[in-house]
Amino acid sequence: MSSNIGYVKFLIITEYVLTAINNVASFVFFIRVLRGQMRNYRQNQQVSHFLILYLIAWMATIGSSVPFLAFMIGDWRPHDKLRNGPAMFWTGVLTHSCAASIPVTVFFLSVNRILFITYPVTFSERHQRIVLIAAIICIFGCAGVNFLNFVASGFLFSSVPIETDCQVFACIADKTGSLTLYTETKFVSGGFNFVAGLLLLYKVWQLRANQQQHNPDRGSEAGKKANFIAVLAIVTEFSFNFLPQFIVFLLSAFWHISAPTYAGPYNVFFTSVDSLISSSTYAKVLQPISKSPSSTVTVDNVPKRQSTQQLFIKPPDSERDRSHSTP
């Protein structure tokens, strides 16, 4: 057992350091993508408000994680040492509250794209604004509810232990009684994302099959990029957030195994991997298109002007009518 403990101690510091490195790189990539979206907006081009919400949620999560990671890395020792409970808890409250809103942004990013593919003509800008308002309310609501839950648990319903042997935020949050709501919101949003992701993949497959049947040469490269960007968020969210949480739940419920005891802070590490993959891919895929002043970078909205390089090109009514009438 002692070798196991020693192994986990060094695994903990390794995961926290790698998380910090991934977060720095991700933040730089997210800044590049956001600057490209802002440049498109200044050039009077349509931008994806849902993508911007997704970027802001990630940047808020990464930015607010600095105090928590600094404390967890700076306070680490290779020998047994109790951590300062209040410092560990309160430095992690904001970043984990923001992290809870990321699955919500992914869900609305997927829903908006599904509606745009399903109703390319009737899904107007007014409808998009309604979905956008609902997204903003749910995103801030999810982050706010979790933040108030942490604060109320720490101040009103229970007290944060002065010293703790916890090495992950979930451990000390569990001691204050605030972990249940946090995990439930992530499970619920993850479940909705799973359903929306399956529907999105089906819609994208259906769209590509229809394009190949009626007009296989039209915008194939732009379509590939658009489809890749659209499904990336839902795939990474499922792979690095929902699936690990579900496996940990099964281990705890049926075998009474505490994953952090053997895997360390896997949650924050997987979250940083998710952000790094998403941010670097967005920066790579969107940057070449952003460089062209006549191009439009968007993953869900109808462009204000047509371009040969824009993502998710919406065909003119006459062309769409011809494709639907083709036997």
Protein backbone atom coordinates (compact mmCIF):
# COMPACT_ATOMS: atom_id res chain seq x y z
CA MET A 1 0.00 0.00 0.00
CA SER A 2 2.90 2.35 0.71
CA SER A 3 4.21 2.06 -2.84
CA ASN A 4 0.72 2.84 -4.07
CA ILE A 5 0.59 5.97 -1.92
CA GLY A 6 4.00 7.14 -3.11
CA TYR A 7 2.99 6.57 -6.72
CA VAL A 8 -0.21 8.58 -6.31
CA LYS A 9 1.65 11.46 -4.64
CA PHE A 10 3.85 11.98 -7.68
CA LEU A 11 0.93 11.35 -10.02
CA ILE A 12 -0.94 14.19 -8.31
CA ILE A 13 1.80 16.78 -8.83
CA THR A 14 2.39 15.55 -12.39
CA GLU A 15 -1.27 15.95 -13.33
CA TYR A 16 -1.52 19.40 -11.77
CA VAL A 17 1.62 20.60 -13.57
CA LEU A 18 0.45 19.17 -16.90
CA THR A 19 -2.95 20.78 -16.32
CA ALA A 20 -1.31 24.16 -15.83
CA ILE A 21 0.75 23.75 -19.02
CA ASN A 22 -2.28 22.65 -21.02
CA ASN A 23 -4.31 25.56 -19.69
CA VAL A 24 -1.70 28.13 -20.71
CA ALA A 25 -1.50 26.72 -24.24
CA SER A 26 -5.29 26.47 -24.48
CA PHE A 27 -5.79 30.05 -23.34
CA VAL A 28 -3.43 31.29 -26.05
CA PHE A 29 -5.28 29.29 -28.71
CA PHE A 30 -8.68 30.49 -27.47
CA ILE A 31 -7.46 34.09 -27.61
CA ARG A 32 -6.41 33.58 -31.23
CA VAL A 33 -9.80 32.15 -32.16
CA LEU A 34 -11.66 34.91 -30.32
CA ARG A 35 -9.56 37.60 -32.02
CA GLY A 36 -10.41 36.05 -35.39
CA GLN A 37 -14.12 36.17 -34.55
CA MET A 38 -13.83 39.79 -33.43
CA ARG A 39 -11.97 40.67 -36.64
CA ASN A 40 -14.80 39.14 -38.65
CA TYR A 41 -17.31 41.18 -36.65
CA ARG A 42 -15.41 44.44 -37.31
CA GLN A 43 -15.41 43.59 -41.02
CA ASN A 44 -19.23 43.42 -40.88
CA GLN A 45 -19.27 39.65 -41.20
CA GLN A 46 -21.54 37.30 -39.30
CA VAL A 47 -19.94 35.49 -36.37
CA SER A 48 -21.11 32.54 -34.33
CA HIS A 49 -22.44 33.85 -31.03
CA PHE A 50 -22.68 30.29 -29.73
CA LEU A 51 -19.03 29.67 -30.50
CA ILE A 52 -18.15 32.91 -28.69
CA LEU A 53 -20.12 31.75 -25.63
CA TYR A 54 -18.21 28.49 -25.77
CA LEU A 55 -14.88 30.35 -25.95
CA ILE A 56 -15.79 32.68 -23.08
CA ALA A 57 -16.84 29.78 -20.87
CA TRP A 58 -13.54 28.04 -21.47
CA MET A 59 -11.47 31.18 -20.95
CA ALA A 60 -13.32 31.97 -17.71
CA THR A 61 -12.72 28.43 -16.47
CA ILE A 62 -9.03 28.51 -17.36
CA GLY A 63 -8.45 32.03 -16.03
CA SER A 64 -10.13 31.33 -12.71
CA SER A 65 -8.15 28.10 -12.28
CA VAL A 66 -4.87 29.98 -11.79
CA PRO A 67 -5.22 30.48 -7.98
CA PHE A 68 -6.33 26.89 -7.45
CA LEU A 69 -3.53 25.34 -9.51
CA ALA A 70 -0.95 27.69 -8.00
CA PHE A 71 -1.98 26.61 -4.51
CA MET A 72 -2.16 22.88 -5.29
CA ILE A 73 1.26 22.91 -7.00
CA GLY A 74 2.98 25.24 -4.54
CA ASP A 75 1.61 23.45 -1.49
CA TRP A 76 2.56 19.96 -2.67
CA ARG A 77 5.14 18.00 -0.70
CA PRO A 78 6.54 14.50 -1.36
CA HIS A 79 5.83 13.51 2.24
CA ASP A 80 2.53 13.34 4.09
CA LYS A 81 1.21 16.84 4.66
CA LEU A 82 -2.18 18.28 5.52
CA ARG A 83 -3.33 21.07 3.24
CA ASN A 84 -4.96 24.33 4.26
CA GLY A 85 -8.66 23.49 3.84
CA PRO A 86 -10.12 26.99 3.33
CA ALA A 87 -7.38 27.95 0.84
CA MET A 88 -7.93 24.80 -1.17
CA PHE A 89 -11.72 25.12 -1.17
CA TRP A 90 -12.12 28.83 -1.90
CA THR A 91 -9.48 28.96 -4.64
CA GLY A 92 -11.33 26.16 -6.44
CA VAL A 93 -14.89 27.43 -6.09
CA LEU A 94 -14.96 29.86 -9.03
CA THR A 95 -13.17 27.70 -11.59
CA HIS A 96 -15.32 24.64 -10.85
CA SER A 97 -18.46 26.78 -11.04
CA CYS A 98 -17.38 28.01 -14.48
CA ALA A 99 -16.45 24.48 -15.55
CA ALA A 100 -19.99 23.31 -14.80
CA SER A 101 -21.29 25.70 -17.49
CA ILE A 102 -19.12 24.33 -20.31
CA PRO A 103 -21.36 21.31 -21.05
CA VAL A 104 -24.29 23.74 -21.28
CA THR A 105 -22.50 25.80 -23.95
CA VAL A 106 -21.76 22.61 -25.88
CA PHE A 107 -25.41 21.59 -25.70
CA PHE A 108 -26.69 24.87 -27.14
CA LEU A 109 -23.93 24.91 -29.75
CA SER A 110 -25.19 21.51 -30.89
CA VAL A 111 -28.89 22.42 -30.66
CA ASN A 112 -28.42 25.56 -32.73
CA ARG A 113 -26.53 23.62 -35.39
CA ILE A 114 -29.20 20.88 -35.46
CA LEU A 115 -31.94 23.45 -35.96
CA PHE A 116 -29.95 25.19 -38.67
CA ILE A 117 -29.45 21.94 -40.60
CA THR A 118 -33.04 20.78 -40.12
CA TYR A 119 -34.71 24.11 -40.95
CA PRO A 120 -32.29 25.95 -43.26
CA VAL A 121 -34.99 28.35 -44.49
CA THR A 122 -37.36 28.89 -41.57
CA PHE A 123 -34.73 29.02 -38.80
CA SER A 124 -34.33 32.78 -39.00
CA GLU A 125 -32.13 35.21 -37.08
CA ARG A 126 -35.06 35.90 -34.73
CA HIS A 127 -35.22 32.21 -33.84
CA GLN A 128 -31.46 32.16 -33.34
CA ARG A 129 -31.72 35.09 -30.93
CA ILE A 130 -34.34 33.20 -28.91
CA VAL A 131 -32.05 30.18 -28.65
CA LEU A 132 -29.14 32.49 -27.81
CA ILE A 133 -31.06 34.15 -24.97
CA ALA A 134 -32.02 30.74 -23.61
CA ALA A 135 -28.38 29.67 -23.82
CA ILE A 136 -27.14 32.73 -21.92
CA ILE A 137 -29.75 32.23 -19.19
CA CYS A 138 -28.91 28.54 -18.78
CA ILE A 139 -25.14 29.07 -18.89
CA PHE A 140 -25.08 31.82 -16.27
CA GLY A 141 -27.78 30.01 -14.31
CA CYS A 142 -25.75 26.80 -14.13
CA ALA A 143 -22.55 28.60 -13.11
CA GLY A 144 -24.44 30.81 -10.64
CA VAL A 145 -26.31 27.95 -8.98
CA ASN A 146 -23.10 25.99 -8.48
CA PHE A 147 -21.28 29.05 -7.16
CA LEU A 148 -24.05 29.81 -4.66
CA ASN A 149 -24.12 26.14 -3.69
CA PHE A 150 -20.40 26.18 -2.89
CA VAL A 151 -20.61 29.48 -1.01
CA ALA A 152 -23.69 28.46 0.98
CA SER A 153 -22.15 25.11 1.86
CA GLY A 154 -18.92 26.75 2.97
CA PHE A 155 -20.49 29.54 5.02
CA LEU A 156 -24.00 28.53 6.09
CA PHE A 157 -24.63 24.80 6.14
CA SER A 158 -21.22 23.50 7.11
CA SER A 159 -17.71 24.70 7.69
CA VAL A 160 -14.62 24.07 5.61
CA PRO A 161 -12.11 22.00 7.61
CA ILE A 162 -9.07 23.96 8.74
CA GLU A 163 -6.75 21.18 7.60
CA THR A 164 -7.47 18.38 5.16
CA ASP A 165 -5.74 15.43 3.57
CA CYS A 166 -7.73 15.99 0.34
CA GLN A 167 -5.74 16.21 -2.88
CA VAL A 168 -8.62 16.99 -5.26
CA PHE A 169 -11.39 19.58 -5.11
CA ALA A 170 -14.16 16.98 -5.17
CA CYS A 171 -12.87 15.56 -1.89
CA ILE A 172 -13.07 18.80 0.08
CA ALA A 173 -16.33 19.77 -1.66
CA ASP A 174 -17.76 16.49 -0.44
CA LYS A 175 -16.73 17.36 3.12
CA THR A 176 -18.74 20.60 2.88
CA GLY A 177 -21.75 18.84 1.32
CA SER A 178 -21.57 20.82 -1.93
CA LEU A 179 -20.38 18.03 -4.22
CA THR A 180 -23.76 16.42 -4.90
CA LEU A 181 -25.31 19.35 -6.77
CA TYR A 182 -22.10 19.92 -8.73
CA THR A 183 -21.92 16.33 -9.96
CA GLU A 184 -25.66 16.20 -10.66
CA THR A 185 -25.55 19.28 -12.90
CA LYS A 186 -22.62 17.82 -14.84
CA PHE A 187 -24.39 14.47 -15.22
CA VAL A 188 -27.64 16.06 -16.39
CA SER A 189 -25.95 18.38 -18.90
CA GLY A 190 -23.72 15.50 -20.02
CA GLY A 191 -26.78 13.33 -20.65
CA PHE A 192 -28.42 16.05 -22.73
CA ASN A 193 -25.16 16.45 -24.65
CA PHE A 194 -25.05 12.74 -25.38
CA VAL A 195 -28.54 12.81 -26.92
CA ALA A 196 -27.85 16.05 -28.80
CA GLY A 197 -24.55 14.66 -30.03
CA LEU A 198 -26.15 11.55 -31.50
CA LEU A 199 -28.78 13.68 -33.24
CA LEU A 200 -26.12 16.09 -34.51
CA LEU A 201 -24.01 13.29 -35.94
CA TYR A 202 -27.08 11.86 -37.67
CA LYS A 203 -28.02 15.26 -39.12
CA VAL A 204 -24.48 15.89 -40.38
CA TRP A 205 -24.34 12.41 -41.93
CA GLN A 206 -27.75 12.98 -43.53
CA LEU A 207 -26.65 16.37 -44.88
CA ARG A 208 -23.45 14.98 -46.37
CA ALA A 209 -25.29 12.05 -47.94
CA ASN A 210 -27.77 14.44 -49.54
CA GLN A 211 -24.98 16.69 -50.85
CA GLN A 212 -23.07 13.74 -52.33
CA GLN A 213 -26.21 12.46 -54.03
CA HIS A 214 -27.39 15.72 -55.57
CA ASN A 215 -24.29 17.93 -55.81
CA PRO A 216 -21.11 16.12 -54.77
CA ASP A 217 -18.67 18.76 -56.04
CA ARG A 218 -20.17 21.73 -54.24
CA GLY A 219 -18.21 23.10 -51.26
CA SER A 220 -16.81 19.72 -50.22
CA GLU A 221 -13.75 21.11 -48.43
CA ALA A 222 -15.73 23.77 -46.56
CA GLY A 223 -18.30 21.15 -45.66
CA LYS A 224 -15.66 18.85 -44.21
CA LYS A 225 -14.27 21.65 -42.05
CA ALA A 226 -17.72 22.71 -40.95
CA ASN A 227 -18.77 19.21 -39.96
CA PHE A 228 -15.51 18.65 -38.13
CA ILE A 229 -15.86 21.85 -36.11
CA ALA A 230 -19.52 21.16 -35.34
CA VAL A 231 -18.99 17.71 -33.85
CA LEU A 232 -15.64 18.39 -32.15
CA ALA A 233 -17.08 20.06 -29.07
CA ILE A 234 -19.63 17.33 -28.44
CA VAL A 235 -17.10 14.51 -28.98
CA THR A 236 -14.45 15.98 -26.67
CA GLU A 237 -17.07 16.85 -24.05
CA PHE A 238 -18.31 13.28 -24.06
CA SER A 239 -14.83 11.72 -24.12
CA PHE A 240 -13.14 13.83 -21.45
CA ASN A 241 -16.04 14.88 -19.23
CA PHE A 242 -19.14 12.71 -19.29
CA LEU A 243 -17.53 9.32 -19.92
CA PRO A 244 -14.85 9.58 -17.17
CA GLN A 245 -17.46 10.84 -14.70
CA PHE A 246 -19.76 7.96 -15.61
CA ILE A 247 -16.99 5.39 -15.16
CA VAL A 248 -16.06 6.89 -11.79
CA PHE A 249 -19.72 6.75 -10.75
CA LEU A 250 -19.90 3.05 -11.64
CA LEU A 251 -16.68 2.30 -9.75
CA SER A 252 -17.97 4.09 -6.68
CA ALA A 253 -21.52 2.74 -6.78
CA PHE A 254 -20.83 -0.94 -7.47
CA TRP A 255 -17.27 -1.58 -6.29
CA HIS A 256 -16.84 1.23 -3.71
CA ILE A 257 -13.63 2.37 -5.41
CA SER A 258 -12.63 6.01 -5.04
CA ALA A 259 -11.00 6.96 -8.34
CA PRO A 260 -8.97 9.94 -7.01
CA THR A 261 -7.27 7.60 -4.55
CA TYR A 262 -5.64 5.82 -7.49
CA ALA A 263 -5.91 8.31 -10.37
CA GLY A 264 -5.29 11.66 -8.65
CA PRO A 265 -6.95 14.83 -9.98
CA TYR A 266 -8.09 13.14 -13.19
CA ASN A 267 -11.04 15.54 -13.58
CA VAL A 268 -9.04 18.76 -13.91
CA PHE A 269 -6.45 16.98 -16.04
CA PHE A 270 -9.00 15.59 -18.50
CA THR A 271 -10.66 19.01 -18.62
CA SER A 272 -7.35 20.59 -19.60
CA VAL A 273 -6.84 17.96 -22.32
CA ASP A 274 -10.33 18.71 -23.62
CA SER A 275 -9.56 22.44 -23.76
CA LEU A 276 -6.20 21.89 -25.46
CA ILE A 277 -7.63 19.65 -28.19
CA SER A 278 -10.59 21.96 -28.82
CA SER A 279 -8.64 25.23 -28.78
CA SER A 280 -5.76 24.03 -30.95
CA THR A 281 -8.14 22.50 -33.50
CA TYR A 282 -10.31 25.61 -33.69
CA ALA A 283 -7.22 27.79 -34.11
CA LYS A 284 -5.90 25.57 -36.89
CA VAL A 285 -9.17 25.16 -38.78
CA LEU A 286 -10.53 28.69 -38.42
CA GLN A 287 -7.34 30.73 -38.83
CA PRO A 288 -6.74 30.11 -42.56
CA ILE A 289 -10.32 31.15 -43.28
CA SER A 290 -10.13 34.20 -41.03
CA LYS A 291 -7.15 35.57 -42.95
CA SER A 292 -9.29 36.19 -46.02
CA PRO A 293 -11.23 39.46 -45.66
CA SER A 294 -13.97 38.10 -47.91
CA SER A 295 -14.52 34.95 -45.91
CA THR A 296 -16.92 34.27 -43.08
CA VAL A 297 -16.06 32.10 -40.09
CA THR A 298 -19.17 30.71 -38.46
CA VAL A 299 -20.40 27.34 -37.33
CA ASP A 300 -24.07 28.01 -36.96
CA ASN A 301 -25.31 31.36 -38.30
CA VAL A 302 -26.40 32.51 -41.74
CA PRO A 303 -23.62 34.70 -43.23
CA LYS A 304 -24.38 38.28 -44.12
CA ARG A 305 -22.67 37.83 -47.45
CA GLN A 306 -21.80 34.80 -49.50
CA SER A 307 -18.24 33.51 -49.77
CA THR A 308 -16.60 30.54 -51.39
CA GLN A 309 -14.76 29.72 -48.16
CA GLN A 310 -17.48 30.25 -45.57
CA LEU A 311 -18.47 27.40 -43.29
CA PHE A 312 -21.88 25.78 -43.52
CA ILE A 313 -22.77 27.42 -46.82
CA LYS A 314 -26.51 27.78 -47.19
CA PRO A 315 -27.50 27.17 -50.81
CA PRO A 316 -29.81 29.61 -52.59
CA ASP A 317 -33.50 28.75 -52.61
CA SER A 318 -33.46 27.88 -56.29
CA GLU A 319 -30.59 25.43 -55.87
CA ARG A 320 -32.14 23.90 -52.78
CA ASP A 321 -35.44 23.44 -54.61
CA ARG A 322 -33.65 21.74 -57.48
CA SER A 323 -31.81 19.37 -55.15
CA HIS A 324 -35.01 18.35 -53.38
CA SER A 325 -36.83 17.81 -56.66
CA THR A 326 -34.07 15.61 -58.07
CA PRO A 327 -35.21 11.94 -58.09
